[in-house]
């Protein structure tokens, strides 16, 4: 198979591969990372081509000091590239959305434990609608607070969960 890419397209392909590798391997799986086993060889082919080809992007790679003939992302790709900025935005957005989601889930569970949201005579669709409105209300409340104050008002009570 042959594919023809401009330098710009090839650089973007490399950035995409880097982002995919970051997603697959950024968490510590130790020596048994199934993603490294599945994609590592292909990724090295792409990195080697990017580092050594005339139309590559050598600014993004440097020789791997531990593995001769292999290449690793350079500091520029890791910290100052469109790919690194996309990863930073993704991790930041994911953090906030996951935090909000978990806090809302916790609050809704606590509300359901303390009282019923709707009388038993209410149709199921109305109960669902009420729950959806409450979920959106809590999400909006947390999102507004975090936009305003970041983590300043987050307090963790270690071993003092009064709701247990």
N, C-alpha and C. Protein backbone atom coordinates (compact mmCIF):
# COMPACT_ATOMS: atom_id res chain seq x y z
N UNK A 1 0.85 -1.17 0.00
CA UNK A 1 0.00 0.00 0.00
C UNK A 1 0.90 1.24 0.00
N UNK A 2 0.55 2.20 -0.79
CA UNK A 2 1.25 3.48 -0.83
C UNK A 2 0.26 4.60 -0.54
N UNK A 3 0.77 5.60 0.11
CA UNK A 3 -0.05 6.77 0.40
C UNK A 3 0.80 8.00 0.16
N UNK A 4 0.24 9.00 -0.45
CA UNK A 4 0.96 10.23 -0.72
C UNK A 4 0.44 11.32 0.19
N UNK A 5 1.36 11.92 0.94
CA UNK A 5 1.00 12.98 1.87
C UNK A 5 1.92 14.17 1.67
N UNK A 6 1.38 15.36 1.87
CA UNK A 6 2.24 16.53 1.91
C UNK A 6 2.98 16.52 3.25
N UNK A 7 3.97 17.36 3.39
CA UNK A 7 4.69 17.46 4.67
C UNK A 7 3.72 17.85 5.79
N UNK A 8 2.84 18.79 5.50
CA UNK A 8 1.87 19.23 6.49
C UNK A 8 0.94 18.08 6.91
N UNK A 9 0.46 17.31 5.93
CA UNK A 9 -0.41 16.17 6.23
C UNK A 9 0.33 15.10 7.03
N UNK A 10 1.59 14.86 6.65
CA UNK A 10 2.37 13.86 7.38
C UNK A 10 2.60 14.29 8.83
N UNK A 11 2.91 15.55 9.02
CA UNK A 11 3.11 16.07 10.38
C UNK A 11 1.83 15.90 11.20
N UNK A 12 0.69 16.18 10.60
CA UNK A 12 -0.58 16.01 11.31
C UNK A 12 -0.87 14.54 11.61
N UNK A 13 -0.50 13.67 10.70
CA UNK A 13 -0.66 12.23 10.94
C UNK A 13 0.20 11.80 12.13
N UNK A 14 1.42 12.30 12.19
CA UNK A 14 2.32 12.00 13.30
C UNK A 14 1.72 12.52 14.61
N UNK A 15 1.18 13.74 14.57
CA UNK A 15 0.55 14.29 15.77
C UNK A 15 -0.64 13.44 16.22
N UNK A 16 -1.44 12.98 15.27
CA UNK A 16 -2.56 12.10 15.61
C UNK A 16 -2.07 10.80 16.24
N UNK A 17 -1.02 10.22 15.67
CA UNK A 17 -0.47 8.97 16.21
C UNK A 17 0.06 9.20 17.62
N UNK A 18 0.71 10.33 17.83
CA UNK A 18 1.22 10.66 19.16
C UNK A 18 0.09 10.79 20.16
N UNK A 19 -1.00 11.47 19.77
CA UNK A 19 -2.15 11.61 20.67
C UNK A 19 -2.77 10.25 20.97
N UNK A 20 -2.89 9.41 19.97
CA UNK A 20 -3.43 8.08 20.19
C UNK A 20 -2.56 7.27 21.12
N UNK A 21 -1.25 7.36 20.93
CA UNK A 21 -0.32 6.65 21.81
C UNK A 21 -0.43 7.18 23.23
N UNK A 22 -0.57 8.48 23.37
CA UNK A 22 -0.69 9.07 24.70
C UNK A 22 -1.93 8.53 25.41
N UNK A 23 -3.04 8.49 24.70
CA UNK A 23 -4.28 7.97 25.31
C UNK A 23 -4.10 6.51 25.72
N UNK A 24 -3.47 5.72 24.87
CA UNK A 24 -3.34 4.28 25.12
C UNK A 24 -2.30 3.95 26.18
N UNK A 25 -1.28 4.79 26.33
CA UNK A 25 -0.16 4.39 27.20
C UNK A 25 0.14 5.36 28.33
N UNK A 26 -0.61 6.44 28.48
CA UNK A 26 -0.25 7.43 29.49
C UNK A 26 -0.47 6.94 30.92
N UNK A 27 -1.37 6.02 31.11
CA UNK A 27 -1.56 5.46 32.44
C UNK A 27 -0.54 4.35 32.63
N UNK A 28 -0.12 4.15 33.85
CA UNK A 28 0.93 3.18 34.11
C UNK A 28 0.38 1.76 34.11
N UNK A 29 0.72 1.01 33.07
CA UNK A 29 0.33 -0.39 32.98
C UNK A 29 1.51 -1.30 33.29
N UNK A 30 2.66 -0.72 33.59
CA UNK A 30 3.85 -1.53 33.84
C UNK A 30 4.39 -2.12 32.55
N UNK A 31 5.05 -3.25 32.67
CA UNK A 31 5.67 -3.89 31.51
C UNK A 31 4.67 -4.64 30.62
N UNK A 32 3.45 -4.79 31.09
CA UNK A 32 2.47 -5.58 30.36
C UNK A 32 1.41 -4.73 29.67
N UNK A 33 1.80 -3.58 29.14
CA UNK A 33 0.84 -2.71 28.48
C UNK A 33 0.40 -3.36 27.17
N UNK A 34 -0.86 -3.78 27.08
CA UNK A 34 -1.31 -4.44 25.85
C UNK A 34 -1.29 -3.50 24.64
N UNK A 35 -1.42 -2.21 24.88
CA UNK A 35 -1.42 -1.25 23.78
C UNK A 35 -0.03 -1.06 23.21
N UNK A 36 0.95 -1.07 24.08
CA UNK A 36 2.33 -0.97 23.61
C UNK A 36 2.66 -2.18 22.74
N UNK A 37 2.22 -3.34 23.16
CA UNK A 37 2.47 -4.55 22.39
C UNK A 37 1.76 -4.49 21.03
N UNK A 38 0.55 -3.99 21.03
CA UNK A 38 -0.24 -3.95 19.80
C UNK A 38 0.25 -2.87 18.83
N UNK A 39 0.56 -1.69 19.34
CA UNK A 39 0.85 -0.55 18.47
C UNK A 39 2.31 -0.09 18.44
N UNK A 40 3.12 -0.56 19.37
CA UNK A 40 4.48 -0.06 19.51
C UNK A 40 5.34 -0.15 18.26
N UNK A 41 5.31 -1.31 17.59
CA UNK A 41 6.13 -1.49 16.39
C UNK A 41 5.71 -0.55 15.27
N UNK A 42 4.42 -0.42 15.06
CA UNK A 42 3.91 0.47 14.03
C UNK A 42 4.25 1.92 14.36
N UNK A 43 4.12 2.27 15.61
CA UNK A 43 4.43 3.62 16.03
C UNK A 43 5.91 3.93 15.79
N UNK A 44 6.78 2.98 16.09
CA UNK A 44 8.21 3.18 15.86
C UNK A 44 8.51 3.38 14.37
N UNK A 45 7.82 2.66 13.51
CA UNK A 45 8.01 2.86 12.06
C UNK A 45 7.68 4.30 11.69
N UNK A 46 6.56 4.78 12.20
CA UNK A 46 6.13 6.14 11.89
C UNK A 46 7.11 7.15 12.49
N UNK A 47 7.52 6.95 13.73
CA UNK A 47 8.46 7.86 14.38
C UNK A 47 9.80 7.88 13.65
N UNK A 48 10.26 6.72 13.23
CA UNK A 48 11.55 6.64 12.52
C UNK A 48 11.46 7.40 11.21
N UNK A 49 10.37 7.20 10.48
CA UNK A 49 10.16 7.92 9.22
C UNK A 49 10.08 9.42 9.46
N UNK A 50 9.38 9.82 10.50
CA UNK A 50 9.25 11.25 10.82
C UNK A 50 10.59 11.86 11.19
N UNK A 51 11.41 11.10 11.91
CA UNK A 51 12.70 11.61 12.39
C UNK A 51 13.77 11.64 11.31
N UNK A 52 13.69 10.75 10.34
CA UNK A 52 14.80 10.60 9.39
C UNK A 52 14.47 10.97 7.96
N UNK A 53 13.20 11.08 7.62
CA UNK A 53 12.81 11.37 6.24
C UNK A 53 13.03 12.83 5.91
N UNK A 54 13.36 13.08 4.67
CA UNK A 54 13.55 14.45 4.20
C UNK A 54 12.28 15.28 4.38
N UNK A 55 11.15 14.67 4.18
CA UNK A 55 9.88 15.37 4.33
C UNK A 55 9.19 15.08 5.66
N UNK A 56 9.97 14.64 6.63
CA UNK A 56 9.42 14.30 7.94
C UNK A 56 9.29 15.51 8.84
N UNK A 57 9.28 15.23 10.11
CA UNK A 57 9.20 16.30 11.12
C UNK A 57 10.20 15.95 12.24
N UNK A 58 11.50 16.07 11.92
CA UNK A 58 12.54 15.67 12.87
C UNK A 58 12.54 16.48 14.17
N UNK A 59 11.94 17.65 14.16
CA UNK A 59 11.86 18.47 15.37
C UNK A 59 11.03 17.80 16.45
N UNK A 60 10.22 16.83 16.07
CA UNK A 60 9.34 16.16 17.01
C UNK A 60 9.94 14.89 17.64
N UNK A 61 11.11 14.47 17.18
CA UNK A 61 11.66 13.20 17.68
C UNK A 61 13.15 13.28 17.93
N UNK A 62 13.60 12.39 18.81
CA UNK A 62 15.02 12.26 19.11
C UNK A 62 15.31 10.78 19.32
N UNK A 63 16.56 10.40 19.13
CA UNK A 63 16.90 8.98 19.33
C UNK A 63 16.62 8.56 20.78
N UNK A 64 16.15 7.35 20.92
CA UNK A 64 15.90 6.77 22.24
C UNK A 64 17.24 6.29 22.79
N UNK A 65 17.67 6.87 23.90
CA UNK A 65 18.97 6.52 24.48
C UNK A 65 19.01 5.11 25.03
N UNK A 66 17.85 4.55 25.36
CA UNK A 66 17.79 3.21 25.95
C UNK A 66 17.64 2.11 24.90
N UNK A 67 17.08 2.45 23.75
CA UNK A 67 16.83 1.45 22.71
C UNK A 67 17.39 1.94 21.38
N UNK A 68 18.52 1.42 21.01
CA UNK A 68 19.19 1.85 19.78
C UNK A 68 18.30 1.63 18.57
N UNK A 69 18.26 2.62 17.69
CA UNK A 69 17.47 2.52 16.47
C UNK A 69 16.02 2.94 16.64
N UNK A 70 15.63 3.25 17.87
CA UNK A 70 14.26 3.69 18.10
C UNK A 70 14.24 5.18 18.41
N UNK A 71 13.06 5.75 18.32
CA UNK A 71 12.90 7.19 18.53
C UNK A 71 11.81 7.45 19.56
N UNK A 72 11.97 8.55 20.28
CA UNK A 72 10.99 8.98 21.27
C UNK A 72 10.58 10.42 20.96
N UNK A 73 9.41 10.80 21.40
CA UNK A 73 8.97 12.19 21.18
C UNK A 73 9.94 13.18 21.84
N UNK A 74 10.19 14.27 21.16
CA UNK A 74 11.05 15.32 21.70
C UNK A 74 10.25 16.17 22.69
N UNK A 75 10.97 17.02 23.39
CA UNK A 75 10.31 17.93 24.32
C UNK A 75 9.33 18.85 23.56
N UNK A 76 9.68 19.19 22.35
CA UNK A 76 8.80 20.06 21.56
C UNK A 76 7.45 19.38 21.30
N UNK A 77 7.46 18.11 20.91
CA UNK A 77 6.20 17.40 20.67
C UNK A 77 5.45 17.21 21.98
N UNK A 78 6.17 16.89 23.05
CA UNK A 78 5.55 16.66 24.35
C UNK A 78 4.96 17.93 24.97
N UNK A 79 5.57 19.09 24.71
CA UNK A 79 5.19 20.28 25.46
C UNK A 79 4.81 21.51 24.64
N UNK A 80 5.12 21.51 23.35
CA UNK A 80 4.87 22.73 22.58
C UNK A 80 4.47 22.38 21.15
N UNK A 81 3.36 21.70 21.02
CA UNK A 81 2.87 21.32 19.69
C UNK A 81 1.35 21.34 19.72
N UNK A 82 0.73 21.37 18.56
CA UNK A 82 -0.73 21.27 18.55
C UNK A 82 -1.23 20.00 19.25
N UNK A 83 -0.48 18.91 19.12
CA UNK A 83 -0.88 17.66 19.77
C UNK A 83 -0.82 17.79 21.29
N UNK A 84 0.24 18.39 21.82
CA UNK A 84 0.34 18.53 23.28
C UNK A 84 -0.73 19.47 23.81
N UNK A 85 -1.05 20.51 23.05
CA UNK A 85 -2.11 21.42 23.48
C UNK A 85 -3.48 20.72 23.45
N UNK A 86 -3.71 19.87 22.46
CA UNK A 86 -4.97 19.11 22.40
C UNK A 86 -5.07 18.15 23.59
N UNK A 87 -3.96 17.51 23.93
CA UNK A 87 -3.95 16.60 25.08
C UNK A 87 -4.20 17.37 26.37
N UNK A 88 -3.55 18.51 26.53
CA UNK A 88 -3.76 19.33 27.73
C UNK A 88 -5.22 19.75 27.86
N UNK A 89 -5.81 20.19 26.75
CA UNK A 89 -7.22 20.60 26.78
C UNK A 89 -8.11 19.40 27.11
N UNK A 90 -7.83 18.26 26.49
CA UNK A 90 -8.61 17.05 26.74
C UNK A 90 -8.53 16.64 28.21
N UNK A 91 -7.34 16.61 28.78
CA UNK A 91 -7.21 16.17 30.17
C UNK A 91 -7.88 17.16 31.12
N UNK A 92 -7.76 18.44 30.84
CA UNK A 92 -8.41 19.45 31.68
C UNK A 92 -9.94 19.31 31.59
N UNK A 93 -10.45 19.25 30.38
CA UNK A 93 -11.91 19.14 30.20
C UNK A 93 -12.43 17.84 30.82
N UNK A 94 -11.70 16.76 30.63
CA UNK A 94 -12.11 15.47 31.19
C UNK A 94 -12.13 15.50 32.70
N UNK A 95 -11.11 16.12 33.29
CA UNK A 95 -11.07 16.24 34.75
C UNK A 95 -12.32 16.92 35.28
N UNK A 96 -12.65 18.09 34.72
CA UNK A 96 -13.78 18.86 35.22
C UNK A 96 -15.10 18.13 34.96
N UNK A 97 -15.27 17.57 33.79
CA UNK A 97 -16.52 16.86 33.49
C UNK A 97 -16.69 15.63 34.38
N UNK A 98 -15.61 14.91 34.61
CA UNK A 98 -15.69 13.73 35.47
C UNK A 98 -15.95 14.13 36.92
N UNK A 99 -15.30 15.16 37.39
CA UNK A 99 -15.53 15.63 38.75
C UNK A 99 -16.98 16.06 38.93
N UNK A 100 -17.49 16.85 38.00
CA UNK A 100 -18.87 17.30 38.07
C UNK A 100 -19.82 16.10 38.02
N UNK A 101 -19.58 15.19 37.12
CA UNK A 101 -20.45 14.03 36.98
C UNK A 101 -20.49 13.20 38.26
N UNK A 102 -19.34 12.98 38.87
CA UNK A 102 -19.30 12.18 40.09
C UNK A 102 -19.94 12.90 41.28
N UNK A 103 -19.73 14.19 41.37
CA UNK A 103 -20.35 14.95 42.46
C UNK A 103 -21.87 14.97 42.30
N UNK A 104 -22.34 15.16 41.09
CA UNK A 104 -23.79 15.16 40.84
C UNK A 104 -24.38 13.79 41.15
N UNK A 105 -23.71 12.74 40.72
CA UNK A 105 -24.20 11.38 41.02
C UNK A 105 -24.28 11.14 42.52
N UNK A 106 -23.25 11.57 43.24
CA UNK A 106 -23.25 11.44 44.69
C UNK A 106 -24.41 12.21 45.31
N UNK A 107 -24.59 13.45 44.88
CA UNK A 107 -25.66 14.28 45.45
C UNK A 107 -27.03 13.71 45.15
N UNK A 108 -27.24 13.24 43.93
CA UNK A 108 -28.53 12.65 43.59
C UNK A 108 -28.80 11.38 44.40
N UNK A 109 -27.78 10.57 44.59
CA UNK A 109 -27.94 9.36 45.42
C UNK A 109 -28.32 9.74 46.84
N UNK A 110 -27.69 10.78 47.38
CA UNK A 110 -28.00 11.22 48.74
C UNK A 110 -29.42 11.78 48.83
N UNK A 111 -29.83 12.52 47.81
CA UNK A 111 -31.19 13.06 47.79
C UNK A 111 -32.21 11.94 47.74
N UNK A 112 -31.96 10.94 46.91
CA UNK A 112 -32.90 9.82 46.78
C UNK A 112 -32.98 9.03 48.07
N UNK A 113 -31.87 8.94 48.80
CA UNK A 113 -31.87 8.22 50.07
C UNK A 113 -32.65 8.98 51.15
N UNK A 114 -32.64 10.30 51.10
CA UNK A 114 -33.27 11.08 52.17
C UNK A 114 -34.76 11.34 51.93
N UNK A 115 -35.18 11.38 50.67
CA UNK A 115 -36.60 11.56 50.37
C UNK A 115 -36.86 11.13 48.93
N UNK A 116 -38.09 10.89 48.63
CA UNK A 116 -38.50 10.53 47.27
C UNK A 116 -38.68 11.81 46.47
N UNK A 117 -38.18 11.79 45.22
CA UNK A 117 -38.29 12.98 44.37
C UNK A 117 -39.71 13.21 43.86
N UNK A 118 -40.51 12.15 43.80
CA UNK A 118 -41.87 12.31 43.28
C UNK A 118 -42.80 11.35 44.01
N UNK A 119 -44.03 11.76 44.18
CA UNK A 119 -44.99 10.83 44.80
C UNK A 119 -45.22 9.63 43.89
N UNK A 120 -45.59 8.50 44.48
CA UNK A 120 -45.76 7.28 43.68
C UNK A 120 -46.85 7.39 42.62
N UNK A 121 -47.75 8.37 42.74
CA UNK A 121 -48.82 8.51 41.75
C UNK A 121 -48.36 9.22 40.48
N UNK A 122 -47.18 9.81 40.50
CA UNK A 122 -46.69 10.55 39.35
C UNK A 122 -46.29 9.57 38.24
N UNK A 123 -46.66 9.87 36.99
CA UNK A 123 -46.27 8.99 35.88
C UNK A 123 -44.75 8.91 35.75
N UNK A 124 -44.27 7.77 35.29
CA UNK A 124 -42.84 7.52 35.17
C UNK A 124 -42.14 8.60 34.35
N UNK A 125 -42.77 9.04 33.27
CA UNK A 125 -42.17 10.05 32.40
C UNK A 125 -41.93 11.35 33.16
N UNK A 126 -42.86 11.70 34.06
CA UNK A 126 -42.71 12.92 34.86
C UNK A 126 -41.58 12.78 35.87
N UNK A 127 -41.44 11.60 36.42
CA UNK A 127 -40.35 11.35 37.37
C UNK A 127 -39.01 11.48 36.63
N UNK A 128 -38.93 10.88 35.45
CA UNK A 128 -37.70 10.99 34.66
C UNK A 128 -37.39 12.44 34.31
N UNK A 129 -38.42 13.18 33.94
CA UNK A 129 -38.24 14.59 33.59
C UNK A 129 -37.74 15.38 34.79
N UNK A 130 -38.30 15.14 35.96
CA UNK A 130 -37.85 15.81 37.19
C UNK A 130 -36.39 15.46 37.49
N UNK A 131 -36.05 14.20 37.35
CA UNK A 131 -34.67 13.77 37.62
C UNK A 131 -33.70 14.41 36.65
N UNK A 132 -34.09 14.48 35.37
CA UNK A 132 -33.23 15.12 34.37
C UNK A 132 -33.03 16.61 34.67
N UNK A 133 -34.10 17.27 35.08
CA UNK A 133 -34.00 18.70 35.43
C UNK A 133 -33.08 18.89 36.63
N UNK A 134 -33.22 18.02 37.63
CA UNK A 134 -32.38 18.13 38.83
C UNK A 134 -30.92 17.86 38.47
N UNK A 135 -30.67 16.88 37.62
CA UNK A 135 -29.31 16.57 37.19
C UNK A 135 -28.70 17.78 36.48
N UNK A 136 -29.43 18.37 35.56
CA UNK A 136 -28.94 19.54 34.83
C UNK A 136 -28.71 20.71 35.78
N UNK A 137 -29.60 20.88 36.74
CA UNK A 137 -29.47 21.96 37.72
C UNK A 137 -28.18 21.79 38.54
N UNK A 138 -27.93 20.57 39.01
CA UNK A 138 -26.72 20.32 39.80
C UNK A 138 -25.47 20.48 38.94
N UNK A 139 -25.50 19.97 37.71
CA UNK A 139 -24.33 20.13 36.82
C UNK A 139 -24.02 21.60 36.58
N UNK A 140 -25.06 22.38 36.31
CA UNK A 140 -24.87 23.82 36.07
C UNK A 140 -24.31 24.51 37.32
N UNK A 141 -24.80 24.12 38.47
CA UNK A 141 -24.35 24.72 39.73
C UNK A 141 -22.87 24.43 39.97
N UNK A 142 -22.48 23.15 39.82
CA UNK A 142 -21.07 22.80 40.01
C UNK A 142 -20.18 23.47 38.95
N UNK A 143 -20.62 23.45 37.71
CA UNK A 143 -19.82 24.05 36.63
C UNK A 143 -19.60 25.54 36.91
N UNK A 144 -20.63 26.24 37.30
CA UNK A 144 -20.51 27.67 37.59
C UNK A 144 -19.55 27.91 38.76
N UNK A 145 -19.64 27.07 39.78
CA UNK A 145 -18.76 27.22 40.94
C UNK A 145 -17.30 26.97 40.55
N UNK A 146 -17.05 25.95 39.75
CA UNK A 146 -15.67 25.64 39.37
C UNK A 146 -15.10 26.68 38.41
N UNK A 147 -15.94 27.24 37.56
CA UNK A 147 -15.48 28.32 36.69
C UNK A 147 -15.10 29.52 37.54
N UNK A 148 -15.90 29.80 38.55
CA UNK A 148 -15.67 30.96 39.41
C UNK A 148 -14.50 30.76 40.36
N UNK A 149 -14.42 29.59 41.00
CA UNK A 149 -13.46 29.41 42.10
C UNK A 149 -12.46 28.28 41.90
N UNK A 150 -12.52 27.58 40.75
CA UNK A 150 -11.62 26.46 40.51
C UNK A 150 -11.78 25.45 41.64
N UNK A 151 -10.70 25.00 42.25
CA UNK A 151 -10.79 24.02 43.34
C UNK A 151 -10.74 24.66 44.72
N UNK A 152 -10.77 25.98 44.77
CA UNK A 152 -10.62 26.68 46.04
C UNK A 152 -11.62 26.24 47.11
N UNK A 153 -12.85 25.96 46.71
CA UNK A 153 -13.88 25.61 47.68
C UNK A 153 -14.08 24.10 47.84
N UNK A 154 -13.21 23.30 47.25
CA UNK A 154 -13.33 21.85 47.40
C UNK A 154 -12.64 21.46 48.70
N UNK A 155 -13.35 20.71 49.51
CA UNK A 155 -12.84 20.27 50.79
C UNK A 155 -13.02 18.76 50.89
N UNK A 156 -11.97 18.07 51.25
CA UNK A 156 -12.04 16.62 51.42
C UNK A 156 -11.91 16.31 52.90
N UNK A 157 -12.88 15.60 53.43
CA UNK A 157 -12.87 15.22 54.84
C UNK A 157 -12.44 13.76 54.92
N UNK A 158 -11.18 13.54 55.16
CA UNK A 158 -10.64 12.18 55.23
C UNK A 158 -11.19 11.45 56.45
N UNK A 159 -11.89 10.35 56.19
CA UNK A 159 -12.40 9.51 57.26
C UNK A 159 -13.52 10.14 58.07
N UNK A 160 -14.12 11.20 57.57
CA UNK A 160 -15.16 11.88 58.35
C UNK A 160 -16.44 12.01 57.54
N UNK A 161 -16.80 10.98 56.81
CA UNK A 161 -18.00 11.04 55.97
C UNK A 161 -19.23 10.92 56.86
N UNK A 162 -19.88 12.06 57.10
CA UNK A 162 -21.05 12.07 57.97
C UNK A 162 -22.28 11.47 57.31
N UNK A 163 -22.18 11.17 56.01
CA UNK A 163 -23.33 10.62 55.30
C UNK A 163 -23.28 9.10 55.19
N UNK A 164 -22.32 8.46 55.77
CA UNK A 164 -22.19 6.99 55.67
C UNK A 164 -23.18 6.31 56.59
